[in-house]
């Protein structure tokens, strides 16, 4: 499944599009989440880049 995430650190933000294993039906648009195992990959020639993650966990009880 492909997930779009707005990563924010309090002063700046950026959009990250990444792959997750399996269906992620517990995720809702706009909810706060914790991302586990977020990794950035790049092909040897430097042209192909991607993000992947092991899991996305909803915060605040999934609300």
PDB file of N, CA and C in Angstrom:
ATOM      1  N   UNK A   1       0.842  -1.174   0.000  1.00  0.00           N
ATOM      2  CA  UNK A   1       0.000   0.000   0.000  1.00  0.00           C
ATOM      3  C   UNK A   1       0.886   1.235   0.000  1.00  0.00           C
ATOM      4  N   UNK A   2       0.507   2.239  -0.746  1.00  0.00           N
ATOM      5  CA  UNK A   2       1.234   3.503  -0.781  1.00  0.00           C
ATOM      6  C   UNK A   2       0.527   4.489   0.137  1.00  0.00           C
ATOM      7  N   UNK A   3       1.307   5.161   0.995  1.00  0.00           N
ATOM      8  CA  UNK A   3       0.787   6.120   1.957  1.00  0.00           C
ATOM      9  C   UNK A   3       1.450   7.466   1.712  1.00  0.00           C
ATOM     10  N   UNK A   4       0.670   8.540   1.771  1.00  0.00           N
ATOM     11  CA  UNK A   4       1.209   9.897   1.715  1.00  0.00           C
ATOM     12  C   UNK A   4       1.210  10.458   3.118  1.00  0.00           C
ATOM     13  N   UNK A   5       2.336  11.019   3.533  1.00  0.00           N
ATOM     14  CA  UNK A   5       2.511  11.507   4.896  1.00  0.00           C
ATOM     15  C   UNK A   5       3.027  12.937   4.849  1.00  0.00           C
ATOM     16  N   UNK A   6       2.497  13.800   5.701  1.00  0.00           N
ATOM     17  CA  UNK A   6       3.039  15.132   5.867  1.00  0.00           C
ATOM     18  C   UNK A   6       3.894  15.098   7.124  1.00  0.00           C
ATOM     19  N   UNK A   7       5.197  15.106   6.950  1.00  0.00           N
ATOM     20  CA  UNK A   7       6.129  15.058   8.076  1.00  0.00           C
ATOM     21  C   UNK A   7       6.393  16.484   8.552  1.00  0.00           C
ATOM     22  N   UNK A   8       6.227  16.720   9.868  1.00  0.00           N
ATOM     23  CA  UNK A   8       6.398  18.053  10.432  1.00  0.00           C
ATOM     24  C   UNK A   8       7.296  17.987  11.659  1.00  0.00           C
ATOM     25  N   UNK A   9       8.160  19.009  11.807  1.00  0.00           N
ATOM     26  CA  UNK A   9       9.048  19.045  12.974  1.00  0.00           C
ATOM     27  C   UNK A   9       8.846  20.285  13.832  1.00  0.00           C
ATOM     28  N   UNK A  10       7.790  21.041  13.603  1.00  0.00           N
ATOM     29  CA  UNK A  10       7.517  22.242  14.386  1.00  0.00           C
ATOM     30  C   UNK A  10       7.923  23.517  13.682  1.00  0.00           C
ATOM     31  N   UNK A  11       8.887  23.444  12.780  1.00  0.00           N
ATOM     32  CA  UNK A  11       9.317  24.625  12.034  1.00  0.00           C
ATOM     33  C   UNK A  11       9.173  24.450  10.527  1.00  0.00           C
ATOM     34  N   UNK A  12       9.099  23.220  10.066  1.00  0.00           N
ATOM     35  CA  UNK A  12       9.027  22.946   8.635  1.00  0.00           C
ATOM     36  C   UNK A  12       8.228  21.668   8.408  1.00  0.00           C
ATOM     37  N   UNK A  13       7.822  21.452   7.171  1.00  0.00           N
ATOM     38  CA  UNK A  13       7.105  20.225   6.835  1.00  0.00           C
ATOM     39  C   UNK A  13       7.456  19.808   5.409  1.00  0.00           C
ATOM     40  N   UNK A  14       7.276  18.525   5.122  1.00  0.00           N
ATOM     41  CA  UNK A  14       7.497  18.005   3.777  1.00  0.00           C
ATOM     42  C   UNK A  14       6.597  16.804   3.561  1.00  0.00           C
ATOM     43  N   UNK A  15       6.202  16.591   2.318  1.00  0.00           N
ATOM     44  CA  UNK A  15       5.384  15.427   1.988  1.00  0.00           C
ATOM     45  C   UNK A  15       6.292  14.247   1.672  1.00  0.00           C
ATOM     46  N   UNK A  16       5.938  13.083   2.201  1.00  0.00           N
ATOM     47  CA  UNK A  16       6.667  11.840   1.938  1.00  0.00           C
ATOM     48  C   UNK A  16       5.656  10.812   1.445  1.00  0.00           C
ATOM     49  N   UNK A  17       5.943  10.184   0.348  1.00  0.00           N
ATOM     50  CA  UNK A  17       5.110   9.111  -0.192  1.00  0.00           C
ATOM     51  C   UNK A  17       5.919   7.831  -0.037  1.00  0.00           C
ATOM     52  N   UNK A  18       5.340   6.827   0.646  1.00  0.00           N
ATOM     53  CA  UNK A  18       6.113   5.623   0.900  1.00  0.00           C
ATOM     54  C   UNK A  18       5.256   4.375   0.855  1.00  0.00           C
ATOM     55  N   UNK A  19       5.915   3.242   0.764  1.00  0.00           N
ATOM     56  CA  UNK A  19       5.248   1.942   0.683  1.00  0.00           C
ATOM     57  C   UNK A  19       5.186   1.292   2.056  1.00  0.00           C
ATOM     58  N   UNK A  20       4.059   0.615   2.311  1.00  0.00           N
ATOM     59  CA  UNK A  20       3.879  -0.180   3.521  1.00  0.00           C
ATOM     60  C   UNK A  20       3.445  -1.575   3.114  1.00  0.00           C
ATOM     61  N   UNK A  21       3.860  -2.576   3.881  1.00  0.00           N
ATOM     62  CA  UNK A  21       3.412  -3.936   3.568  1.00  0.00           C
ATOM     63  C   UNK A  21       1.939  -4.122   3.925  1.00  0.00           C
ATOM     64  N   UNK A  22       1.176  -4.761   3.059  1.00  0.00           N
ATOM     65  CA  UNK A  22      -0.215  -5.119   3.343  1.00  0.00           C
ATOM     66  C   UNK A  22      -1.171  -3.944   3.347  1.00  0.00           C
ATOM     67  N   UNK A  23      -2.426  -4.230   3.681  1.00  0.00           N
ATOM     68  CA  UNK A  23      -3.465  -3.204   3.771  1.00  0.00           C
ATOM     69  C   UNK A  23      -3.323  -2.436   5.085  1.00  0.00           C
ATOM     70  N   UNK A  24      -3.696  -1.188   5.076  1.00  0.00           N
ATOM     71  CA  UNK A  24      -3.580  -0.325   6.255  1.00  0.00           C
ATOM     72  C   UNK A  24      -4.932   0.319   6.545  1.00  0.00           C
ATOM     73  N   UNK A  25      -5.961  -0.489   6.718  1.00  0.00           N
ATOM     74  CA  UNK A  25      -7.323   0.008   6.897  1.00  0.00           C
ATOM     75  C   UNK A  25      -7.516   0.815   8.173  1.00  0.00           C
ATOM     76  N   UNK A  26      -6.592   0.724   9.118  1.00  0.00           N
ATOM     77  CA  UNK A  26      -6.698   1.454  10.376  1.00  0.00           C
ATOM     78  C   UNK A  26      -6.295   2.922  10.235  1.00  0.00           C
ATOM     79  N   UNK A  27      -5.745   3.319   9.088  1.00  0.00           N
ATOM     80  CA  UNK A  27      -5.309   4.697   8.885  1.00  0.00           C
ATOM     81  C   UNK A  27      -6.428   5.540   8.295  1.00  0.00           C
ATOM     82  N   UNK A  28      -6.564   6.769   8.828  1.00  0.00           N
ATOM     83  CA  UNK A  28      -7.573   7.714   8.361  1.00  0.00           C
ATOM     84  C   UNK A  28      -6.872   8.999   7.923  1.00  0.00           C
ATOM     85  N   UNK A  29      -7.355   9.656   6.879  1.00  0.00           N
ATOM     86  CA  UNK A  29      -6.747  10.917   6.442  1.00  0.00           C
ATOM     87  C   UNK A  29      -6.727  11.947   7.566  1.00  0.00           C
ATOM     88  N   UNK A  30      -5.603  12.603   7.746  1.00  0.00           N
ATOM     89  CA  UNK A  30      -5.467  13.682   8.714  1.00  0.00           C
ATOM     90  C   UNK A  30      -5.113  13.267  10.130  1.00  0.00           C
ATOM     91  N   UNK A  31      -5.047  11.956  10.413  1.00  0.00           N
ATOM     92  CA  UNK A  31      -4.743  11.554  11.785  1.00  0.00           C
ATOM     93  C   UNK A  31      -3.240  11.604  12.053  1.00  0.00           C
ATOM     94  N   UNK A  32      -2.892  11.832  13.313  1.00  0.00           N
ATOM     95  CA  UNK A  32      -1.489  11.827  13.732  1.00  0.00           C
ATOM     96  C   UNK A  32      -1.027  10.389  13.884  1.00  0.00           C
ATOM     97  N   UNK A  33       0.190  10.107  13.421  1.00  0.00           N
ATOM     98  CA  UNK A  33       0.718   8.741  13.454  1.00  0.00           C
ATOM     99  C   UNK A  33       2.176   8.731  13.876  1.00  0.00           C
ATOM    100  N   UNK A  34       2.640   7.556  14.261  1.00  0.00           N
ATOM    101  CA  UNK A  34       4.060   7.296  14.506  1.00  0.00           C
ATOM    102  C   UNK A  34       4.496   6.314  13.430  1.00  0.00           C
ATOM    103  N   UNK A  35       5.591   6.622  12.747  1.00  0.00           N
ATOM    104  CA  UNK A  35       6.102   5.753  11.680  1.00  0.00           C
ATOM    105  C   UNK A  35       7.275   4.960  12.223  1.00  0.00           C
ATOM    106  N   UNK A  36       7.231   3.643  12.052  1.00  0.00           N
ATOM    107  CA  UNK A  36       8.317   2.772  12.511  1.00  0.00           C
ATOM    108  C   UNK A  36       9.088   2.233  11.311  1.00  0.00           C
ATOM    109  N   UNK A  37      10.390   2.252  11.400  1.00  0.00           N
ATOM    110  CA  UNK A  37      11.253   1.677  10.375  1.00  0.00           C
ATOM    111  C   UNK A  37      11.264   2.442   9.064  1.00  0.00           C
ATOM    112  N   UNK A  38      11.136   3.768   9.116  1.00  0.00           N
ATOM    113  CA  UNK A  38      11.145   4.570   7.898  1.00  0.00           C
ATOM    114  C   UNK A  38      12.551   4.568   7.302  1.00  0.00           C
ATOM    115  N   UNK A  39      12.655   4.214   6.027  1.00  0.00           N
ATOM    116  CA  UNK A  39      13.944   4.126   5.345  1.00  0.00           C
ATOM    117  C   UNK A  39      13.872   4.821   3.991  1.00  0.00           C
ATOM    118  N   UNK A  40      14.999   5.364   3.585  1.00  0.00           N
ATOM    119  CA  UNK A  40      15.130   6.004   2.285  1.00  0.00           C
ATOM    120  C   UNK A  40      16.040   5.144   1.429  1.00  0.00           C
ATOM    121  N   UNK A  41      15.642   4.886   0.200  1.00  0.00           N
ATOM    122  CA  UNK A  41      16.461   4.079  -0.700  1.00  0.00           C
ATOM    123  C   UNK A  41      16.755   4.807  -1.994  1.00  0.00           C
ATOM    124  N   UNK A  42      17.903   4.502  -2.579  1.00  0.00           N
ATOM    125  CA  UNK A  42      18.293   5.110  -3.839  1.00  0.00           C
ATOM    126  C   UNK A  42      19.011   4.067  -4.678  1.00  0.00           C
ATOM    127  N   UNK A  43      18.682   4.017  -5.967  1.00  0.00           N
ATOM    128  CA  UNK A  43      19.364   3.094  -6.862  1.00  0.00           C
ATOM    129  C   UNK A  43      20.823   3.521  -7.024  1.00  0.00           C
ATOM    130  N   UNK A  44      21.649   2.612  -7.451  1.00  0.00           N
ATOM    131  CA  UNK A  44      23.083   2.897  -7.583  1.00  0.00           C
ATOM    132  C   UNK A  44      23.377   4.078  -8.489  1.00  0.00           C
ATOM    133  N   UNK A  45      22.579   4.235  -9.540  1.00  0.00           N
ATOM    134  CA  UNK A  45      22.825   5.348 -10.457  1.00  0.00           C
ATOM    135  C   UNK A  45      22.280   6.672  -9.930  1.00  0.00           C
ATOM    136  N   UNK A  46      21.587   6.638  -8.786  1.00  0.00           N
ATOM    137  CA  UNK A  46      21.082   7.848  -8.160  1.00  0.00           C
ATOM    138  C   UNK A  46      19.767   8.343  -8.729  1.00  0.00           C
ATOM    139  N   UNK A  47      19.191   7.653  -9.695  1.00  0.00           N
ATOM    140  CA  UNK A  47      17.970   8.117 -10.335  1.00  0.00           C
ATOM    141  C   UNK A  47      16.698   7.685  -9.615  1.00  0.00           C
ATOM    142  N   UNK A  48      16.611   6.471  -9.140  1.00  0.00           N
ATOM    143  CA  UNK A  48      15.404   5.968  -8.498  1.00  0.00           C
ATOM    144  C   UNK A  48      15.530   6.166  -6.990  1.00  0.00           C
ATOM    145  N   UNK A  49      14.544   6.835  -6.404  1.00  0.00           N
ATOM    146  CA  UNK A  49      14.543   7.070  -4.957  1.00  0.00           C
ATOM    147  C   UNK A  49      13.201   6.657  -4.397  1.00  0.00           C
ATOM    148  N   UNK A  50      13.205   6.132  -3.180  1.00  0.00           N
ATOM    149  CA  UNK A  50      11.940   5.716  -2.566  1.00  0.00           C
ATOM    150  C   UNK A  50      12.052   5.722  -1.054  1.00  0.00           C
ATOM    151  N   UNK A  51      10.895   5.789  -0.426  1.00  0.00           N
ATOM    152  CA  UNK A  51      10.755   5.657   1.020  1.00  0.00           C
ATOM    153  C   UNK A  51       9.984   4.368   1.287  1.00  0.00           C
ATOM    154  N   UNK A  52      10.276   3.714   2.380  1.00  0.00           N
ATOM    155  CA  UNK A  52       9.491   2.577   2.834  1.00  0.00           C
ATOM    156  C   UNK A  52       9.439   2.613   4.355  1.00  0.00           C
ATOM    157  N   UNK A  53       8.473   1.905   4.925  1.00  0.00           N
ATOM    158  CA  UNK A  53       8.327   1.857   6.377  1.00  0.00           C
ATOM    159  C   UNK A  53       7.825   0.483   6.774  1.00  0.00           C
ATOM    160  N   UNK A  54       8.132   0.090   8.009  1.00  0.00           N
ATOM    161  CA  UNK A  54       7.654  -1.188   8.535  1.00  0.00           C
ATOM    162  C   UNK A  54       6.213  -1.092   9.011  1.00  0.00           C
ATOM    163  N   UNK A  55       5.861   0.040   9.637  1.00  0.00           N
ATOM    164  CA  UNK A  55       4.515   0.193  10.193  1.00  0.00           C
ATOM    165  C   UNK A  55       4.196   1.653  10.421  1.00  0.00           C
ATOM    166  N   UNK A  56       2.900   1.961  10.416  1.00  0.00           N
ATOM    167  CA  UNK A  56       2.393   3.280  10.790  1.00  0.00           C
ATOM    168  C   UNK A  56       1.364   3.046  11.880  1.00  0.00           C
ATOM    169  N   UNK A  57       1.614   3.629  13.054  1.00  0.00           N
ATOM    170  CA  UNK A  57       0.779   3.417  14.234  1.00  0.00           C
ATOM    171  C   UNK A  57      -0.008   4.699  14.531  1.00  0.00           C
ATOM    172  N   UNK A  58      -1.353   4.644  14.538  1.00  0.00           N
ATOM    173  CA  UNK A  58      -2.149   5.831  14.893  1.00  0.00           C
ATOM    174  C   UNK A  58      -1.875   6.256  16.332  1.00  0.00           C
ATOM    175  N   UNK A  59      -1.824   7.561  16.553  1.00  0.00           N
ATOM    176  CA  UNK A  59      -1.689   8.115  17.903  1.00  0.00           C
ATOM    177  C   UNK A  59      -3.070   8.452  18.445  1.00  0.00           C
ATOM    178  N   UNK A  60      -3.183   8.684  19.727  1.00  0.00           N
ATOM    179  CA  UNK A  60      -4.451   9.061  20.358  1.00  0.00           C
ATOM    180  C   UNK A  60      -5.553   8.042  20.114  1.00  0.00           C
ATOM    181  N   UNK A  61      -5.235   6.781  20.207  1.00  0.00           N
ATOM    182  CA  UNK A  61      -6.246   5.740  20.064  1.00  0.00           C
ATOM    183  C   UNK A  61      -6.839   5.615  18.677  1.00  0.00           C
ATOM    184  N   UNK A  62      -6.098   6.071  17.654  1.00  0.00           N
ATOM    185  CA  UNK A  62      -6.571   5.940  16.282  1.00  0.00           C
ATOM    186  C   UNK A  62      -7.584   6.977  15.863  1.00  0.00           C
ATOM    187  N   UNK A  63      -7.674   8.079  16.612  1.00  0.00           N
ATOM    188  CA  UNK A  63      -8.647   9.127  16.263  1.00  0.00           C
ATOM    189  C   UNK A  63      -8.049  10.156  15.373  1.00  0.00           C
TER     190      UNK A  63
END
